[in-house]
């Protein structure tokens, strides 16, 4: 199994499927292992992550680690935590502000194949509306807020969250239940995994 996963990760690192659409070129950022117990599915790398090649290597990652109550060493131990965004490469900037959506080619090409190799996953964190749309499909609610509010309906192996970017600060103030309900359960589940 490990050899197959290593081969798949090598294939992903050489991927050029959406090269012509990527302003900074392809640099797939993904971490996976057959022993990982937590899978984090986010959106797509930003410019800082594109430069470093390290997922969640920014302020959003700091907030996410705080939500999980794990340190950087644990977070980046791919034997424990797998990180698989909806788009593995930086998709570029949206003229209206923020980054473009994840490239649509990526998830259909790689997600199913990667998930088949990660048999140890016990909890999947769906970070943001792109991951929730893909993995919850018709089970998700009309808005991201409603979907996250209904987190208990998707368990015990899935927990949806908002994206932990600076833009979420105002959302967190308007939705204190997220900290009280969702983060309490998320932290309890993560502490059981490790």
C-alpha atoms as a PDB file:
ATOM      1  CA  UNK A   1       0.000   0.000   0.000  1.00  0.00           C
ATOM      2  CA  UNK A   2       2.745   2.485   0.901  1.00  0.00           C
ATOM      3  CA  UNK A   3       4.483   1.934  -2.451  1.00  0.00           C
ATOM      4  CA  UNK A   4       1.226   2.591  -4.305  1.00  0.00           C
ATOM      5  CA  UNK A   5       0.639   5.764  -2.305  1.00  0.00           C
ATOM      6  CA  UNK A   6       4.206   6.949  -2.882  1.00  0.00           C
ATOM      7  CA  UNK A   7       3.772   6.338  -6.613  1.00  0.00           C
ATOM      8  CA  UNK A   8       0.493   8.253  -6.590  1.00  0.00           C
ATOM      9  CA  UNK A   9       2.041  11.193  -4.722  1.00  0.00           C
ATOM     10  CA  UNK A  10       4.881  11.256  -7.270  1.00  0.00           C
ATOM     11  CA  UNK A  11       2.309  11.278 -10.065  1.00  0.00           C
ATOM     12  CA  UNK A  12       0.494  14.174  -8.375  1.00  0.00           C
ATOM     13  CA  UNK A  13       3.691  16.182  -7.944  1.00  0.00           C
ATOM     14  CA  UNK A  14       4.287  15.887 -11.702  1.00  0.00           C
ATOM     15  CA  UNK A  15       0.702  16.862 -12.613  1.00  0.00           C
ATOM     16  CA  UNK A  16       0.318  19.555 -15.276  1.00  0.00           C
ATOM     17  CA  UNK A  17      -3.410  19.078 -15.990  1.00  0.00           C
ATOM     18  CA  UNK A  18      -4.324  22.743 -15.482  1.00  0.00           C
ATOM     19  CA  UNK A  19      -0.904  24.307 -16.101  1.00  0.00           C
ATOM     20  CA  UNK A  20      -2.223  26.884 -18.583  1.00  0.00           C
ATOM     21  CA  UNK A  21      -4.707  28.212 -15.997  1.00  0.00           C
ATOM     22  CA  UNK A  22      -2.207  28.693 -13.150  1.00  0.00           C
ATOM     23  CA  UNK A  23      -0.541  32.123 -13.065  1.00  0.00           C
ATOM     24  CA  UNK A  24       2.357  30.891 -10.911  1.00  0.00           C
ATOM     25  CA  UNK A  25       2.558  27.472 -12.555  1.00  0.00           C
ATOM     26  CA  UNK A  26       1.799  24.101 -10.996  1.00  0.00           C
ATOM     27  CA  UNK A  27       3.082  23.233  -7.533  1.00  0.00           C
ATOM     28  CA  UNK A  28       0.761  20.622  -6.021  1.00  0.00           C
ATOM     29  CA  UNK A  29       0.538  20.865  -2.245  1.00  0.00           C
ATOM     30  CA  UNK A  30      -0.851  17.705  -0.643  1.00  0.00           C
ATOM     31  CA  UNK A  31       0.135  15.407   2.223  1.00  0.00           C
ATOM     32  CA  UNK A  32      -1.062  11.860   2.667  1.00  0.00           C
ATOM     33  CA  UNK A  33      -0.176   8.619   4.369  1.00  0.00           C
ATOM     34  CA  UNK A  34      -1.801   5.255   4.858  1.00  0.00           C
ATOM     35  CA  UNK A  35      -1.675   5.745   8.642  1.00  0.00           C
ATOM     36  CA  UNK A  36      -3.235   9.238   8.836  1.00  0.00           C
ATOM     37  CA  UNK A  37      -6.349   9.318  10.992  1.00  0.00           C
ATOM     38  CA  UNK A  38      -7.501  12.888  10.295  1.00  0.00           C
ATOM     39  CA  UNK A  39      -8.074  14.211   6.774  1.00  0.00           C
ATOM     40  CA  UNK A  40      -8.350  17.959   6.220  1.00  0.00           C
ATOM     41  CA  UNK A  41      -9.961  18.936   2.939  1.00  0.00           C
ATOM     42  CA  UNK A  42      -9.668  22.655   2.310  1.00  0.00           C
ATOM     43  CA  UNK A  43      -9.849  24.982  -0.659  1.00  0.00           C
ATOM     44  CA  UNK A  44      -6.537  25.576  -2.465  1.00  0.00           C
ATOM     45  CA  UNK A  45      -3.103  26.938  -1.568  1.00  0.00           C
ATOM     46  CA  UNK A  46      -2.615  30.694  -1.369  1.00  0.00           C
ATOM     47  CA  UNK A  47       0.510  32.483  -2.566  1.00  0.00           C
ATOM     48  CA  UNK A  48       2.443  31.928   0.677  1.00  0.00           C
ATOM     49  CA  UNK A  49       1.733  28.197   0.611  1.00  0.00           C
ATOM     50  CA  UNK A  50       2.604  28.089  -3.093  1.00  0.00           C
ATOM     51  CA  UNK A  51       6.001  29.615  -2.266  1.00  0.00           C
ATOM     52  CA  UNK A  52       6.774  27.354   0.703  1.00  0.00           C
ATOM     53  CA  UNK A  53       5.089  24.169  -0.525  1.00  0.00           C
ATOM     54  CA  UNK A  54       3.817  23.658   3.045  1.00  0.00           C
ATOM     55  CA  UNK A  55       0.012  23.430   3.422  1.00  0.00           C
ATOM     56  CA  UNK A  56      -1.681  25.871   5.789  1.00  0.00           C
ATOM     57  CA  UNK A  57       1.631  27.716   6.247  1.00  0.00           C
ATOM     58  CA  UNK A  58      -0.077  31.049   6.870  1.00  0.00           C
ATOM     59  CA  UNK A  59      -2.372  32.875   9.314  1.00  0.00           C
ATOM     60  CA  UNK A  60      -5.299  30.661   8.256  1.00  0.00           C
ATOM     61  CA  UNK A  61      -3.235  27.645   9.247  1.00  0.00           C
ATOM     62  CA  UNK A  62      -2.489  29.207  12.631  1.00  0.00           C
ATOM     63  CA  UNK A  63      -6.206  29.633  13.243  1.00  0.00           C
ATOM     64  CA  UNK A  64      -6.942  26.094  12.015  1.00  0.00           C
ATOM     65  CA  UNK A  65      -4.316  24.636  14.364  1.00  0.00           C
ATOM     66  CA  UNK A  66      -5.884  26.627  17.197  1.00  0.00           C
ATOM     67  CA  UNK A  67      -9.308  25.227  16.286  1.00  0.00           C
ATOM     68  CA  UNK A  68      -7.857  21.714  16.429  1.00  0.00           C
ATOM     69  CA  UNK A  69      -5.669  22.488  19.454  1.00  0.00           C
ATOM     70  CA  UNK A  70      -2.674  20.803  17.856  1.00  0.00           C
ATOM     71  CA  UNK A  71       0.856  22.135  17.560  1.00  0.00           C
ATOM     72  CA  UNK A  72       2.740  22.513  14.268  1.00  0.00           C
ATOM     73  CA  UNK A  73       4.682  19.287  14.845  1.00  0.00           C
ATOM     74  CA  UNK A  74       1.493  17.231  15.161  1.00  0.00           C
ATOM     75  CA  UNK A  75      -0.250  19.111  12.359  1.00  0.00           C
ATOM     76  CA  UNK A  76       2.566  18.420   9.902  1.00  0.00           C
ATOM     77  CA  UNK A  77       3.029  14.781  10.903  1.00  0.00           C
ATOM     78  CA  UNK A  78       1.515  13.197   7.812  1.00  0.00           C
ATOM     79  CA  UNK A  79       1.421   9.844   9.591  1.00  0.00           C
ATOM     80  CA  UNK A  80      -1.343  11.429  11.689  1.00  0.00           C
ATOM     81  CA  UNK A  81      -2.890  14.160   9.535  1.00  0.00           C
ATOM     82  CA  UNK A  82      -3.479  14.112   5.785  1.00  0.00           C
ATOM     83  CA  UNK A  83      -4.085  17.397   3.949  1.00  0.00           C
ATOM     84  CA  UNK A  84      -5.849  17.315   0.612  1.00  0.00           C
ATOM     85  CA  UNK A  85      -7.273  20.589  -0.746  1.00  0.00           C
ATOM     86  CA  UNK A  86      -9.940  20.701  -3.432  1.00  0.00           C
ATOM     87  CA  UNK A  87      -7.319  22.174  -5.746  1.00  0.00           C
ATOM     88  CA  UNK A  88      -3.696  21.248  -5.118  1.00  0.00           C
ATOM     89  CA  UNK A  89      -2.196  24.343  -6.801  1.00  0.00           C
ATOM     90  CA  UNK A  90      -2.585  28.094  -6.315  1.00  0.00           C
ATOM     91  CA  UNK A  91      -5.455  29.099  -8.648  1.00  0.00           C
ATOM     92  CA  UNK A  92      -4.606  32.794  -9.009  1.00  0.00           C
ATOM     93  CA  UNK A  93      -6.277  35.997  -7.923  1.00  0.00           C
ATOM     94  CA  UNK A  94      -9.870  36.958  -8.588  1.00  0.00           C
ATOM     95  CA  UNK A  95     -10.142  40.514 -10.003  1.00  0.00           C
ATOM     96  CA  UNK A  96     -12.962  41.165  -7.508  1.00  0.00           C
ATOM     97  CA  UNK A  97     -10.714  40.253  -4.576  1.00  0.00           C
ATOM     98  CA  UNK A  98      -9.547  37.054  -2.978  1.00  0.00           C
ATOM     99  CA  UNK A  99      -8.257  33.950  -4.703  1.00  0.00           C
ATOM    100  CA  UNK A 100      -9.956  32.181  -7.575  1.00  0.00           C
ATOM    101  CA  UNK A 101     -11.913  29.004  -6.797  1.00  0.00           C
ATOM    102  CA  UNK A 102      -9.952  25.739  -6.823  1.00  0.00           C
ATOM    103  CA  UNK A 103      -9.382  24.432 -10.330  1.00  0.00           C
ATOM    104  CA  UNK A 104     -12.221  22.030 -11.210  1.00  0.00           C
ATOM    105  CA  UNK A 105      -9.868  19.463 -12.795  1.00  0.00           C
ATOM    106  CA  UNK A 106      -8.060  18.578  -9.589  1.00  0.00           C
ATOM    107  CA  UNK A 107     -10.540  16.801  -7.306  1.00  0.00           C
ATOM    108  CA  UNK A 108     -11.919  14.457 -10.014  1.00  0.00           C
ATOM    109  CA  UNK A 109      -8.381  13.506 -11.023  1.00  0.00           C
ATOM    110  CA  UNK A 110      -6.949  12.783  -7.589  1.00  0.00           C
ATOM    111  CA  UNK A 111      -9.310  12.736  -4.611  1.00  0.00           C
ATOM    112  CA  UNK A 112     -10.861   9.308  -5.079  1.00  0.00           C
ATOM    113  CA  UNK A 113      -7.501   7.701  -5.803  1.00  0.00           C
ATOM    114  CA  UNK A 114      -5.894   9.294  -2.738  1.00  0.00           C
ATOM    115  CA  UNK A 115      -8.761   8.447  -0.405  1.00  0.00           C
ATOM    116  CA  UNK A 116      -8.576   4.775  -1.470  1.00  0.00           C
ATOM    117  CA  UNK A 117      -4.976   4.713  -0.240  1.00  0.00           C
ATOM    118  CA  UNK A 118      -5.768   6.311   3.135  1.00  0.00           C
ATOM    119  CA  UNK A 119      -7.568   3.503   4.927  1.00  0.00           C
ATOM    120  CA  UNK A 120      -6.871   4.854   8.428  1.00  0.00           C
ATOM    121  CA  UNK A 121      -8.969   8.030   8.159  1.00  0.00           C
ATOM    122  CA  UNK A 122     -11.461   8.256  11.007  1.00  0.00           C
ATOM    123  CA  UNK A 123     -12.403  11.924  10.778  1.00  0.00           C
ATOM    124  CA  UNK A 124     -12.633  14.240   7.772  1.00  0.00           C
ATOM    125  CA  UNK A 125     -12.719  17.987   8.257  1.00  0.00           C
ATOM    126  CA  UNK A 126     -14.466  19.803   5.386  1.00  0.00           C
ATOM    127  CA  UNK A 127     -13.025  23.314   5.535  1.00  0.00           C
ATOM    128  CA  UNK A 128     -15.103  25.825   3.599  1.00  0.00           C
ATOM    129  CA  UNK A 129     -17.884  25.698   1.059  1.00  0.00           C
ATOM    130  CA  UNK A 130     -15.931  24.112  -1.818  1.00  0.00           C
ATOM    131  CA  UNK A 131     -15.101  20.989   0.198  1.00  0.00           C
ATOM    132  CA  UNK A 132     -18.610  20.859   1.614  1.00  0.00           C
ATOM    133  CA  UNK A 133     -20.179  21.139  -1.849  1.00  0.00           C
ATOM    134  CA  UNK A 134     -18.066  18.270  -3.160  1.00  0.00           C
ATOM    135  CA  UNK A 135     -18.350  15.883  -0.233  1.00  0.00           C
ATOM    136  CA  UNK A 136     -21.805  16.644   1.161  1.00  0.00           C
ATOM    137  CA  UNK A 137     -23.448  17.326  -2.207  1.00  0.00           C
ATOM    138  CA  UNK A 138     -27.228  17.238  -1.708  1.00  0.00           C
ATOM    139  CA  UNK A 139     -26.889  16.746   2.047  1.00  0.00           C
ATOM    140  CA  UNK A 140     -25.461  20.236   2.527  1.00  0.00           C
ATOM    141  CA  UNK A 141     -27.684  23.172   3.331  1.00  0.00           C
ATOM    142  CA  UNK A 142     -28.343  26.321   1.324  1.00  0.00           C
ATOM    143  CA  UNK A 143     -25.508  28.286   2.976  1.00  0.00           C
ATOM    144  CA  UNK A 144     -22.167  27.415   4.514  1.00  0.00           C
ATOM    145  CA  UNK A 145     -23.415  28.751   7.862  1.00  0.00           C
ATOM    146  CA  UNK A 146     -26.453  26.461   7.817  1.00  0.00           C
ATOM    147  CA  UNK A 147     -24.269  23.505   6.826  1.00  0.00           C
ATOM    148  CA  UNK A 148     -21.796  24.108   9.645  1.00  0.00           C
ATOM    149  CA  UNK A 149     -24.663  24.696  12.072  1.00  0.00           C
ATOM    150  CA  UNK A 150     -25.968  21.201  11.168  1.00  0.00           C
ATOM    151  CA  UNK A 151     -22.523  19.620  11.740  1.00  0.00           C
ATOM    152  CA  UNK A 152     -23.963  16.838  13.931  1.00  0.00           C
ATOM    153  CA  UNK A 153     -25.955  15.500  10.956  1.00  0.00           C
ATOM    154  CA  UNK A 154     -22.792  14.553   9.054  1.00  0.00           C
ATOM    155  CA  UNK A 155     -20.923  12.683  11.764  1.00  0.00           C
ATOM    156  CA  UNK A 156     -19.400  10.915  13.272  1.00  0.00           C
ATOM    157  CA  UNK A 157     -16.758  10.832  10.530  1.00  0.00           C
ATOM    158  CA  UNK A 158     -17.276  14.321   8.979  1.00  0.00           C
ATOM    159  CA  UNK A 159     -17.256  17.787  10.516  1.00  0.00           C
ATOM    160  CA  UNK A 160     -17.795  20.862   8.303  1.00  0.00           C
ATOM    161  CA  UNK A 161     -16.216  24.199   9.271  1.00  0.00           C
ATOM    162  CA  UNK A 162     -15.860  27.631   7.721  1.00  0.00           C
ATOM    163  CA  UNK A 163     -12.511  28.556   6.195  1.00  0.00           C
ATOM    164  CA  UNK A 164     -10.255  29.915   8.973  1.00  0.00           C
ATOM    165  CA  UNK A 165      -9.122  33.011   7.021  1.00  0.00           C
ATOM    166  CA  UNK A 166      -9.173  36.566   8.384  1.00  0.00           C
ATOM    167  CA  UNK A 167     -12.505  37.010   6.616  1.00  0.00           C
ATOM    168  CA  UNK A 168     -14.013  34.530   9.074  1.00  0.00           C
ATOM    169  CA  UNK A 169     -13.365  36.807  12.075  1.00  0.00           C
ATOM    170  CA  UNK A 170     -16.674  38.679  11.642  1.00  0.00           C
ATOM    171  CA  UNK A 171     -18.491  35.369  10.998  1.00  0.00           C
ATOM    172  CA  UNK A 172     -17.144  33.937  14.261  1.00  0.00           C
ATOM    173  CA  UNK A 173     -18.440  36.953  16.205  1.00  0.00           C
ATOM    174  CA  UNK A 174     -21.905  36.526  14.683  1.00  0.00           C
ATOM    175  CA  UNK A 175     -21.940  32.767  15.305  1.00  0.00           C
ATOM    176  CA  UNK A 176     -20.671  32.089  18.844  1.00  0.00           C
ATOM    177  CA  UNK A 177     -22.286  28.623  18.736  1.00  0.00           C
ATOM    178  CA  UNK A 178     -19.426  27.526  16.452  1.00  0.00           C
ATOM    179  CA  UNK A 179     -16.897  27.862  19.265  1.00  0.00           C
ATOM    180  CA  UNK A 180     -19.209  26.438  21.910  1.00  0.00           C
ATOM    181  CA  UNK A 181     -20.603  23.500  19.936  1.00  0.00           C
ATOM    182  CA  UNK A 182     -18.500  22.649  16.906  1.00  0.00           C
ATOM    183  CA  UNK A 183     -15.006  23.420  18.178  1.00  0.00           C
ATOM    184  CA  UNK A 184     -15.695  21.697  21.478  1.00  0.00           C
ATOM    185  CA  UNK A 185     -16.650  18.494  19.653  1.00  0.00           C
ATOM    186  CA  UNK A 186     -13.892  18.859  17.068  1.00  0.00           C
ATOM    187  CA  UNK A 187     -11.230  19.233  19.762  1.00  0.00           C
ATOM    188  CA  UNK A 188     -12.633  16.263  21.673  1.00  0.00           C
ATOM    189  CA  UNK A 189     -12.542  14.090  18.544  1.00  0.00           C
ATOM    190  CA  UNK A 190      -9.032  15.192  17.585  1.00  0.00           C
ATOM    191  CA  UNK A 191      -7.708  14.536  21.096  1.00  0.00           C
ATOM    192  CA  UNK A 192      -9.103  10.988  20.851  1.00  0.00           C
ATOM    193  CA  UNK A 193      -7.324  10.428  17.527  1.00  0.00           C
ATOM    194  CA  UNK A 194      -3.903  11.401  18.867  1.00  0.00           C
END
